[in-house]
Amino acid sequence: EERDEYLGIVVEESQRLARLSERILALSKMEATAIVPHVERVDVAEQIRRAVLLLEPAWAKKDVRIELSLDECSVPGNADYLVQLWTNLVDNAVKFSPEGGSVNVALYGGRAGEEGREGARDEVVCWVSDEGCGMDAETRRRLFEKFFQGDTSHASEGSGLGLALCKRIVDLHQGTIDVQSSPGRGTVFEVRLPATEGHC
């Protein structure tokens, strides 16, 4: 039994190190990239649905409800990069959600005249929100730094690279990513991406 326990630990740590290596390589590659490769029209709603399905083992294990409200819309970009973005954000939301909590993903397709924005039709906006512990101002300030982990209670579950990857992906697509959060009030990530050609 003791041998099996140690073998389990070795396998688990090996998998964690493999995931860390993959993320370091992915981030290094993106940091060396000046423009987005292989640009195409990407169906954002479909990518988010696939990301949620991919993460089903994680949210089902915690009995977390995933609530989707998705406009059918697309953006010009790299499909592999963007699916990584949505997967990282939803995975983070599930990770920091309490047992039996809910994660909301809303996608707004830039309908003209809404939000009081003159250029609203030219962008796609996605909000990913959770009911977790939230974060203080210092954590929000450093959130997108490489290897930074604001909540050390989840340190063994991540690498501190997921949000740095998200930031780089959004930057490469000429978009923005912001966070609204406060202690005890959950967290909302907001991603805005250009919906028209010529930005990547």
Protein backbone atom coordinates (compact mmCIF):
# COMPACT_ATOMS: atom_id res chain seq x y z
CA GLU A 1 0.00 0.00 0.00
CA GLU A 2 2.82 2.38 0.87
CA ARG A 3 4.54 1.63 -2.43
CA ASP A 4 1.32 2.28 -4.36
CA GLU A 5 0.86 5.56 -2.50
CA TYR A 6 4.38 6.72 -3.42
CA LEU A 7 3.88 5.64 -7.03
CA GLY A 8 0.68 7.66 -7.15
CA ILE A 9 2.52 10.73 -5.85
CA VAL A 10 5.29 10.26 -8.44
CA VAL A 11 2.77 9.95 -11.28
CA GLU A 12 0.80 12.99 -10.09
CA GLU A 13 3.92 15.16 -9.75
CA SER A 14 5.22 13.99 -13.13
CA GLN A 15 1.94 15.03 -14.75
CA ARG A 16 2.06 18.40 -12.99
CA LEU A 17 5.63 19.02 -14.19
CA ALA A 18 4.65 18.01 -17.72
CA ARG A 19 1.78 20.52 -17.67
CA LEU A 20 4.13 23.19 -16.32
CA SER A 21 6.67 22.49 -19.07
CA GLU A 22 3.95 22.70 -21.71
CA ARG A 23 2.77 26.06 -20.40
CA ILE A 24 6.30 27.48 -20.19
CA LEU A 25 6.96 26.42 -23.79
CA ALA A 26 3.62 27.82 -24.96
CA LEU A 27 4.22 31.17 -23.24
CA SER A 28 7.81 31.39 -24.53
CA LYS A 29 6.57 30.74 -28.06
CA MET A 30 3.85 33.38 -27.77
CA GLU A 31 6.24 35.94 -26.27
CA ALA A 32 8.50 35.48 -29.30
CA THR A 33 5.54 35.95 -31.65
CA ALA A 34 4.89 39.44 -32.98
CA ILE A 35 1.80 38.65 -35.05
CA VAL A 36 -0.90 36.00 -34.79
CA PRO A 37 -0.17 33.01 -37.05
CA HIS A 38 -2.84 31.25 -39.12
CA VAL A 39 -5.57 33.88 -38.77
CA GLU A 40 -9.11 32.73 -39.60
CA ARG A 41 -12.69 33.52 -38.55
CA VAL A 42 -13.16 31.81 -35.19
CA ASP A 43 -16.60 30.89 -33.83
CA VAL A 44 -16.24 32.14 -30.26
CA ALA A 45 -19.49 30.70 -28.88
CA GLU A 46 -18.64 27.24 -30.19
CA GLN A 47 -15.14 27.45 -28.70
CA ILE A 48 -16.55 28.35 -25.28
CA ARG A 49 -19.04 25.46 -25.42
CA ARG A 50 -16.20 23.07 -26.27
CA ALA A 51 -14.03 24.43 -23.46
CA VAL A 52 -16.86 23.85 -20.97
CA LEU A 53 -17.35 20.28 -22.21
CA LEU A 54 -13.60 19.63 -21.99
CA LEU A 55 -13.62 20.77 -18.36
CA GLU A 56 -16.70 18.75 -17.35
CA PRO A 57 -14.74 16.36 -15.06
CA ALA A 58 -13.51 19.35 -13.02
CA TRP A 59 -16.83 21.17 -12.60
CA ALA A 60 -18.88 17.98 -12.18
CA LYS A 61 -16.56 16.82 -9.39
CA LYS A 62 -17.24 20.04 -7.45
CA ASP A 63 -20.93 20.13 -8.40
CA VAL A 64 -20.37 23.56 -9.96
CA ARG A 65 -23.13 24.80 -12.27
CA ILE A 66 -21.99 26.32 -15.57
CA GLU A 67 -24.43 28.92 -16.86
CA LEU A 68 -23.95 30.09 -20.45
CA SER A 69 -25.45 33.07 -22.22
CA LEU A 70 -23.76 33.22 -25.61
CA ASP A 71 -24.32 35.37 -28.66
CA GLU A 72 -23.36 33.59 -31.85
CA CYS A 73 -20.38 35.60 -33.03
CA SER A 74 -16.89 35.27 -34.45
CA VAL A 75 -13.56 37.10 -34.42
CA PRO A 76 -10.46 36.98 -36.62
CA GLY A 77 -7.70 35.08 -34.84
CA ASN A 78 -5.83 31.88 -34.17
CA ALA A 79 -8.23 29.12 -33.15
CA ASP A 80 -5.68 27.23 -31.04
CA TYR A 81 -4.67 30.34 -29.10
CA LEU A 82 -8.25 31.42 -28.48
CA VAL A 83 -9.50 28.03 -27.28
CA GLN A 84 -6.59 28.09 -24.80
CA LEU A 85 -7.82 31.49 -23.59
CA TRP A 86 -11.40 30.35 -22.92
CA THR A 87 -10.26 27.05 -21.38
CA ASN A 88 -7.89 28.81 -18.99
CA LEU A 89 -10.50 31.34 -17.87
CA VAL A 90 -13.27 28.78 -17.29
CA ASP A 91 -10.83 26.38 -15.59
CA ASN A 92 -9.74 29.18 -13.24
CA ALA A 93 -13.33 30.06 -12.42
CA VAL A 94 -14.15 26.44 -11.58
CA LYS A 95 -10.97 26.04 -9.52
CA PHE A 96 -11.82 29.01 -7.29
CA SER A 97 -15.55 28.28 -7.05
CA PRO A 98 -16.93 26.76 -3.85
CA GLU A 99 -18.55 23.33 -3.87
CA GLY A 100 -22.03 23.67 -5.36
CA GLY A 101 -21.29 27.17 -6.67
CA SER A 102 -21.87 28.52 -10.16
CA VAL A 103 -19.75 29.92 -12.98
CA ASN A 104 -21.33 32.28 -15.48
CA VAL A 105 -20.01 32.82 -18.99
CA ALA A 106 -21.64 35.58 -21.03
CA LEU A 107 -20.67 36.41 -24.60
CA TYR A 108 -21.87 39.62 -26.17
CA GLY A 109 -21.60 39.88 -29.94
CA GLY A 110 -21.18 43.62 -30.25
CA ARG A 111 -24.73 44.51 -31.29
CA ALA A 112 -24.73 48.10 -32.51
CA GLY A 113 -26.05 50.79 -30.20
CA GLU A 114 -25.76 48.82 -26.96
CA GLU A 115 -23.52 49.59 -23.98
CA GLY A 116 -23.39 53.21 -25.15
CA ARG A 117 -20.31 52.41 -27.23
CA GLU A 118 -20.06 53.87 -30.71
CA GLY A 119 -17.83 50.99 -31.84
CA ALA A 120 -19.65 48.24 -29.97
CA ARG A 121 -20.51 46.42 -33.20
CA ASP A 122 -16.77 46.06 -33.89
CA GLU A 123 -15.92 44.05 -30.79
CA VAL A 124 -16.85 40.88 -28.98
CA VAL A 125 -17.01 40.90 -25.19
CA CYS A 126 -16.85 37.88 -22.89
CA TRP A 127 -17.37 37.84 -19.13
CA VAL A 128 -16.39 34.83 -17.00
CA SER A 129 -17.55 35.15 -13.39
CA ASP A 130 -17.33 32.95 -10.32
CA GLU A 131 -18.58 33.00 -6.72
CA GLY A 132 -15.15 32.35 -5.20
CA CYS A 133 -13.18 34.10 -2.49
CA GLY A 134 -12.30 37.09 -4.66
CA MET A 135 -9.00 38.96 -4.45
CA ASP A 136 -7.50 42.12 -3.00
CA ALA A 137 -6.04 45.09 -4.91
CA GLU A 138 -2.45 43.84 -4.73
CA THR A 139 -3.43 40.45 -6.18
CA ARG A 140 -5.39 42.14 -8.97
CA ARG A 141 -2.38 44.33 -9.77
CA ARG A 142 -0.02 41.36 -10.16
CA LEU A 143 -2.50 38.86 -11.55
CA PHE A 144 -1.07 38.58 -15.05
CA GLU A 145 2.58 38.25 -13.97
CA LYS A 146 4.34 34.99 -14.80
CA PHE A 147 4.39 32.50 -11.90
CA PHE A 148 2.33 34.77 -9.62
CA GLN A 149 -0.25 32.91 -7.51
CA GLY A 150 -2.36 35.09 -5.30
CA ASP A 151 -4.15 32.24 -3.51
CA THR A 152 -1.49 29.87 -2.18
CA SER A 153 -4.17 27.37 -1.09
CA HIS A 154 -4.49 26.42 -4.79
CA ALA A 155 -0.74 26.51 -5.53
CA SER A 156 -0.49 22.76 -6.09
CA GLU A 157 -3.27 22.94 -8.71
CA GLY A 158 -1.61 25.47 -11.00
CA SER A 159 1.61 26.95 -12.30
CA GLY A 160 0.97 30.68 -12.12
CA LEU A 161 1.20 30.80 -15.92
CA GLY A 162 -2.44 30.41 -17.01
CA LEU A 163 -3.38 34.08 -16.73
CA ALA A 164 -0.04 35.23 -18.16
CA LEU A 165 -0.88 33.07 -21.18
CA CYS A 166 -4.36 34.62 -21.35
CA LYS A 167 -2.89 38.13 -21.31
CA ARG A 168 -0.43 37.34 -24.08
CA ILE A 169 -3.11 35.74 -26.26
CA VAL A 170 -5.41 38.75 -25.83
CA ASP A 171 -2.53 41.18 -26.54
CA LEU A 172 -1.63 39.31 -29.74
CA HIS A 173 -5.26 39.68 -30.86
CA GLN A 174 -5.20 43.44 -30.12
CA GLY A 175 -7.79 43.03 -27.36
CA THR A 176 -8.02 43.77 -23.65
CA ILE A 177 -8.46 41.64 -20.53
CA ASP A 178 -9.53 43.10 -17.19
CA VAL A 179 -10.61 41.77 -13.82
CA GLN A 180 -13.16 43.02 -11.29
CA SER A 181 -12.93 41.45 -7.87
CA SER A 182 -12.88 42.11 -4.14
CA PRO A 183 -12.41 39.79 -1.14
CA GLY A 184 -15.47 37.62 -0.52
CA ARG A 185 -17.32 38.80 -3.63
CA GLY A 186 -16.11 36.53 -6.41
CA THR A 187 -14.31 37.52 -9.59
CA VAL A 188 -15.26 38.62 -13.08
CA PHE A 189 -12.85 38.51 -16.01
CA GLU A 190 -13.72 40.66 -19.01
CA VAL A 191 -12.20 40.00 -22.43
CA ARG A 192 -12.73 42.33 -25.38
CA LEU A 193 -11.60 41.29 -28.86
CA PRO A 194 -11.91 43.10 -32.20
CA ALA A 195 -14.60 41.52 -34.36
CA THR A 196 -13.36 43.00 -37.64
CA GLU A 197 -10.46 41.99 -39.86
CA GLY A 198 -7.12 43.76 -39.90
CA HIS A 199 -6.33 43.73 -36.17
CA CYS A 200 -4.12 40.62 -35.96
